Protein backbone atom coordinates (compact mmCIF):
# COMPACT_ATOMS: atom_id res chain seq x y z
CA MET A 1 0.00 0.00 0.00
CA LYS A 2 2.83 2.38 0.92
CA HIS A 3 4.57 1.48 -2.32
CA LYS A 4 1.47 2.40 -4.32
CA LYS A 5 1.17 5.72 -2.50
CA LEU A 6 4.82 6.52 -3.24
CA VAL A 7 4.37 5.67 -6.91
CA LEU A 8 1.21 7.76 -6.96
CA ILE A 9 3.03 10.77 -5.50
CA LEU A 10 5.97 10.40 -7.91
CA SER A 11 3.59 10.06 -10.83
CA SER A 12 1.82 13.23 -9.76
CA PHE A 13 5.13 15.12 -9.75
CA ILE A 14 6.09 13.76 -13.16
CA LEU A 15 2.70 14.59 -14.63
CA ALA A 16 2.83 18.12 -13.22
CA PHE A 17 6.35 18.57 -14.63
CA LEU A 18 5.24 17.44 -18.08
CA TYR A 19 2.26 19.80 -17.98
CA ILE A 20 4.63 22.68 -17.24
CA ILE A 21 7.26 21.99 -19.91
CA ASN A 22 5.00 20.68 -22.68
CA PRO A 23 3.83 24.17 -23.81
CA TYR A 24 7.48 25.19 -24.21
CA PHE A 25 8.19 22.36 -26.64
CA GLU A 26 4.85 22.94 -28.37
CA LYS A 27 5.80 26.57 -28.96
CA LYS A 28 9.30 25.65 -30.04
CA THR A 29 8.02 23.20 -32.61
CA THR A 30 5.42 25.65 -33.90
CA ASN A 31 8.09 28.31 -34.34
CA SER A 32 10.45 25.96 -36.15
CA GLU A 33 7.73 24.71 -38.49
CA GLY A 34 5.95 28.01 -39.08
CA PHE A 35 8.21 29.17 -41.90
CA LYS A 36 6.83 26.40 -44.13
CA ASP A 37 3.57 28.35 -44.36
CA GLU A 38 5.47 31.37 -45.68
CA ILE A 39 7.09 29.86 -48.76
CA ILE A 40 6.13 28.11 -51.99
CA ARG A 41 8.54 25.65 -53.56
CA PHE A 42 8.89 24.85 -57.26
CA HIS A 43 9.87 21.31 -58.27
CA ILE A 44 10.35 19.67 -61.66
CA ARG A 45 10.53 15.87 -61.63
CA ALA A 46 12.28 14.26 -64.58
CA ASN A 47 10.87 11.23 -66.35
CA SER A 48 13.91 9.18 -65.28
CA ASP A 49 17.55 9.54 -64.30
CA ARG A 50 18.73 8.88 -67.84
CA GLU A 51 21.00 11.66 -69.05
CA GLU A 52 18.61 12.72 -71.81
CA ASP A 53 15.66 12.94 -69.39
CA GLN A 54 17.66 14.98 -66.91
CA ALA A 55 18.75 17.31 -69.70
CA LEU A 56 15.11 17.68 -70.78
CA LYS A 57 14.15 18.61 -67.23
CA ILE A 58 16.70 21.45 -67.25
CA LYS A 59 15.48 22.72 -70.62
CA ILE A 60 11.91 22.81 -69.31
CA ARG A 61 13.11 24.58 -66.17
CA ASP A 62 14.94 27.24 -68.20
CA GLU A 63 11.96 27.83 -70.47
CA ILE A 64 9.48 28.14 -67.59
CA LEU A 65 11.72 30.55 -65.69
CA GLU A 66 12.34 32.59 -68.83
CA GLU A 67 8.70 32.77 -69.89
CA MET A 68 7.15 33.19 -66.43
CA GLY A 69 9.84 35.17 -64.64
CA ALA A 70 8.32 38.59 -65.26
CA LYS A 71 5.05 37.48 -63.67
CA PHE A 72 6.64 36.18 -60.44
CA GLU A 73 9.80 38.14 -59.72
CA HIS A 74 8.04 41.20 -58.25
CA SER A 75 5.42 39.34 -56.22
CA LYS A 76 5.15 40.85 -52.74
CA SER A 77 3.09 38.20 -50.98
CA ILE A 78 2.57 34.47 -50.93
CA GLY A 79 -1.09 35.03 -51.78
CA GLU A 80 -0.16 37.00 -54.88
CA THR A 81 2.26 34.28 -56.00
CA ARG A 82 -0.38 31.61 -55.36
CA ASP A 83 -2.85 33.50 -57.54
CA ILE A 84 -0.31 33.90 -60.33
CA ILE A 85 0.43 30.17 -60.26
CA THR A 86 -3.27 29.24 -60.28
CA ASP A 87 -3.93 31.57 -63.23
CA ASN A 88 -0.98 30.14 -65.18
CA LEU A 89 -1.12 26.38 -64.57
CA HIS A 90 -2.19 25.82 -68.18
CA ASN A 91 0.54 28.15 -69.46
CA ILE A 92 3.19 26.28 -67.49
CA LYS A 93 1.91 22.99 -68.89
CA ASP A 94 1.89 24.37 -72.44
CA ILE A 95 5.47 25.63 -72.08
CA SER A 96 6.59 22.21 -70.85
CA GLU A 97 4.77 20.34 -73.61
CA LYS A 98 6.29 22.56 -76.30
CA VAL A 99 9.81 21.86 -75.03
CA ILE A 100 9.07 18.12 -74.90
CA ALA A 101 7.73 18.15 -78.47
CA LYS A 102 10.71 20.17 -79.68
CA GLU A 103 13.03 17.52 -78.20
CA GLY A 104 11.14 14.78 -80.01
CA LYS A 105 9.59 13.19 -76.92
CA ASP A 106 5.98 12.32 -76.21
CA TYR A 107 5.99 12.48 -72.41
CA SER A 108 2.90 13.66 -70.60
CA VAL A 109 3.11 16.62 -68.23
CA ASP A 110 1.25 17.04 -64.95
CA VAL A 111 1.21 20.46 -63.27
CA PHE A 112 0.05 20.57 -59.65
CA LEU A 113 -0.19 23.22 -56.94
CA GLY A 114 -0.71 21.91 -53.42
CA LYS A 115 0.97 20.29 -50.44
CA ASP A 116 3.69 17.74 -51.03
CA TYR A 117 6.19 16.00 -48.75
CA PHE A 118 9.94 16.40 -49.26
CA PRO A 119 13.02 15.11 -47.45
CA THR A 120 15.62 17.48 -46.03
CA ARG A 121 17.19 19.44 -48.88
CA LYS A 122 19.98 22.00 -49.23
CA TYR A 123 19.27 25.30 -50.97
CA GLY A 124 22.38 27.43 -51.30
CA ASN A 125 23.78 27.74 -47.79
CA MET A 126 20.46 26.85 -46.17
CA THR A 127 18.89 23.55 -45.20
CA PHE A 128 15.16 23.11 -45.58
CA PRO A 129 13.97 20.42 -43.14
CA SER A 130 11.79 17.54 -44.26
CA GLY A 131 8.04 17.94 -44.21
CA GLU A 132 5.06 19.16 -46.20
CA TYR A 133 5.40 22.34 -48.24
CA GLU A 134 3.09 24.18 -50.60
CA THR A 135 4.55 23.36 -53.98
CA LEU A 136 4.22 23.99 -57.69
CA LEU A 137 5.11 20.56 -59.02
CA VAL A 138 5.76 19.79 -62.69
CA THR A 139 6.00 16.06 -63.34
CA ILE A 140 7.42 14.90 -66.64
CA GLY A 141 6.30 11.48 -67.88
CA GLU A 142 6.77 8.87 -65.17
CA GLY A 143 8.32 11.40 -62.79
CA ALA A 144 10.76 8.72 -61.62
CA GLY A 145 13.93 10.77 -61.97
CA GLN A 146 15.73 13.21 -59.72
CA ASN A 147 14.02 16.56 -59.40
CA TRP A 148 15.26 20.12 -59.64
CA TRP A 149 13.83 22.67 -57.21
CA CYS A 150 13.93 26.25 -56.05
CA VAL A 151 11.97 28.62 -53.82
CA MET A 152 9.20 30.31 -55.83
CA PHE A 153 8.08 32.58 -53.01
CA PRO A 154 9.96 34.59 -51.97
CA PRO A 155 10.83 34.70 -55.71
CA LEU A 156 14.35 33.33 -55.37
CA CYS A 157 13.98 31.24 -58.55
CA PHE A 158 14.03 34.42 -60.58
CA VAL A 159 16.86 36.31 -58.90
CA ASP A 160 19.45 34.53 -61.00
CA ILE A 161 17.93 32.30 -63.68
CA THR A 162 21.35 30.96 -64.69
CA HIS A 163 22.14 29.55 -61.26
CA SER A 164 18.53 29.40 -60.00
CA VAL A 165 19.71 30.26 -56.47
CA SER A 166 19.85 33.74 -55.02
CA TYR A 167 23.28 34.76 -53.78
CA ASN A 168 21.73 36.64 -50.88
CA LEU A 169 19.24 34.13 -49.53
CA GLU A 170 19.22 35.51 -45.99
CA LYS A 171 18.30 39.03 -47.14
CA ASP A 172 15.58 37.83 -49.49
CA LEU A 173 14.07 35.41 -46.98
CA SER A 174 14.18 37.98 -44.17
CA GLU A 175 11.32 39.79 -45.90
CA VAL A 176 8.93 36.97 -45.00
CA LEU A 177 10.68 34.89 -42.32
CA THR A 178 11.70 35.76 -38.76
CA GLU A 179 15.31 35.84 -37.64
CA GLU A 180 14.70 32.65 -35.63
CA GLU A 181 13.33 30.85 -38.68
CA ILE A 182 16.29 31.90 -40.83
CA ASP A 183 18.70 30.75 -38.09
CA LEU A 184 16.98 27.36 -38.20
CA LEU A 185 17.53 27.10 -41.96
CA LEU A 186 21.18 28.07 -41.54
CA SER A 187 21.75 25.61 -38.69
CA ASN A 188 21.57 22.51 -40.91
CA LYS A 189 19.32 20.90 -38.32
CA GLU A 190 15.87 19.37 -38.30
CA PRO A 191 13.33 21.04 -35.97
CA PRO A 192 12.90 19.36 -32.56
CA LEU A 193 10.05 17.10 -33.67
CA ILE A 194 11.57 13.94 -32.21
CA LEU A 195 12.01 15.50 -28.79
CA LYS A 196 8.45 16.76 -28.78
CA SER A 197 7.21 13.36 -29.91
CA LYS A 198 9.04 11.59 -27.08
CA LEU A 199 7.76 14.13 -24.58
CA ALA A 200 4.19 13.56 -25.72
CA GLU A 201 4.71 9.80 -25.51
CA VAL A 202 5.99 9.99 -21.93
CA TYR A 203 3.18 12.36 -21.04
CA GLU A 204 0.48 10.00 -22.34
CA LYS A 205 2.00 6.93 -20.70
CA THR A 206 2.33 8.71 -17.36
CA LYS A 207 -1.21 10.05 -17.55
CA THR A 208 -2.56 6.55 -18.29
CA TYR A 209 -0.56 5.00 -15.48
CA PHE A 210 -1.68 7.71 -13.10
CA ALA A 211 -5.32 7.09 -14.03
CA LYS A 212 -4.99 3.35 -13.45
CA LEU A 213 -3.48 3.87 -10.01
CA SER A 214 -6.31 6.22 -9.10
CA MET A 215 -8.88 3.64 -10.12
CA GLU A 216 -7.14 0.98 -8.05
CA LYS A 217 -7.14 3.32 -5.07
CA ILE A 218 -10.90 3.85 -5.43
CA LYS A 219 -11.47 0.09 -5.51
């Protein structure tokens, strides 16, 4: 009986501790993930990893950036960029299909704007952690090859079409991201999702155990 009381007291302390620190990790995770709602990515997936398919992907990229650059490069908000993309999905598809036909291929093209999951990827000197991002995705044929990507909003894709990466990423991103969010991208680290997950797991297990002990005490 004494043992159960001791366990009950310890469980109460642990549960109280978890209640106190959980909001901190919740806030930390929200902050580290929030930047994903402030950007739109642009990906082009090649038909395959064959050299000719990868070369075709780059030609399509260059043509899209060249033809659409004037529409996107001065966009001042993510909403404005989203509207431009939505209004030009057919144009982007037409541009891609013309390049494919010119190269003597008959691949299909799928153009999609929405959420998609990506692994951790480098972009210039920054690391974008894995997760879901709003994305303009152009899939060529089977879409089984390596993809090329850039950040469409802020309009970094169009800062330097030749290299497709802005040389001053921090300055450009600072217009829409906080200093903390930019530091996260520069840190080459994933956000603390694992730690939060473990905390939540311990919290749930402790809460369940605590409830069971209380029920036993009532009996």
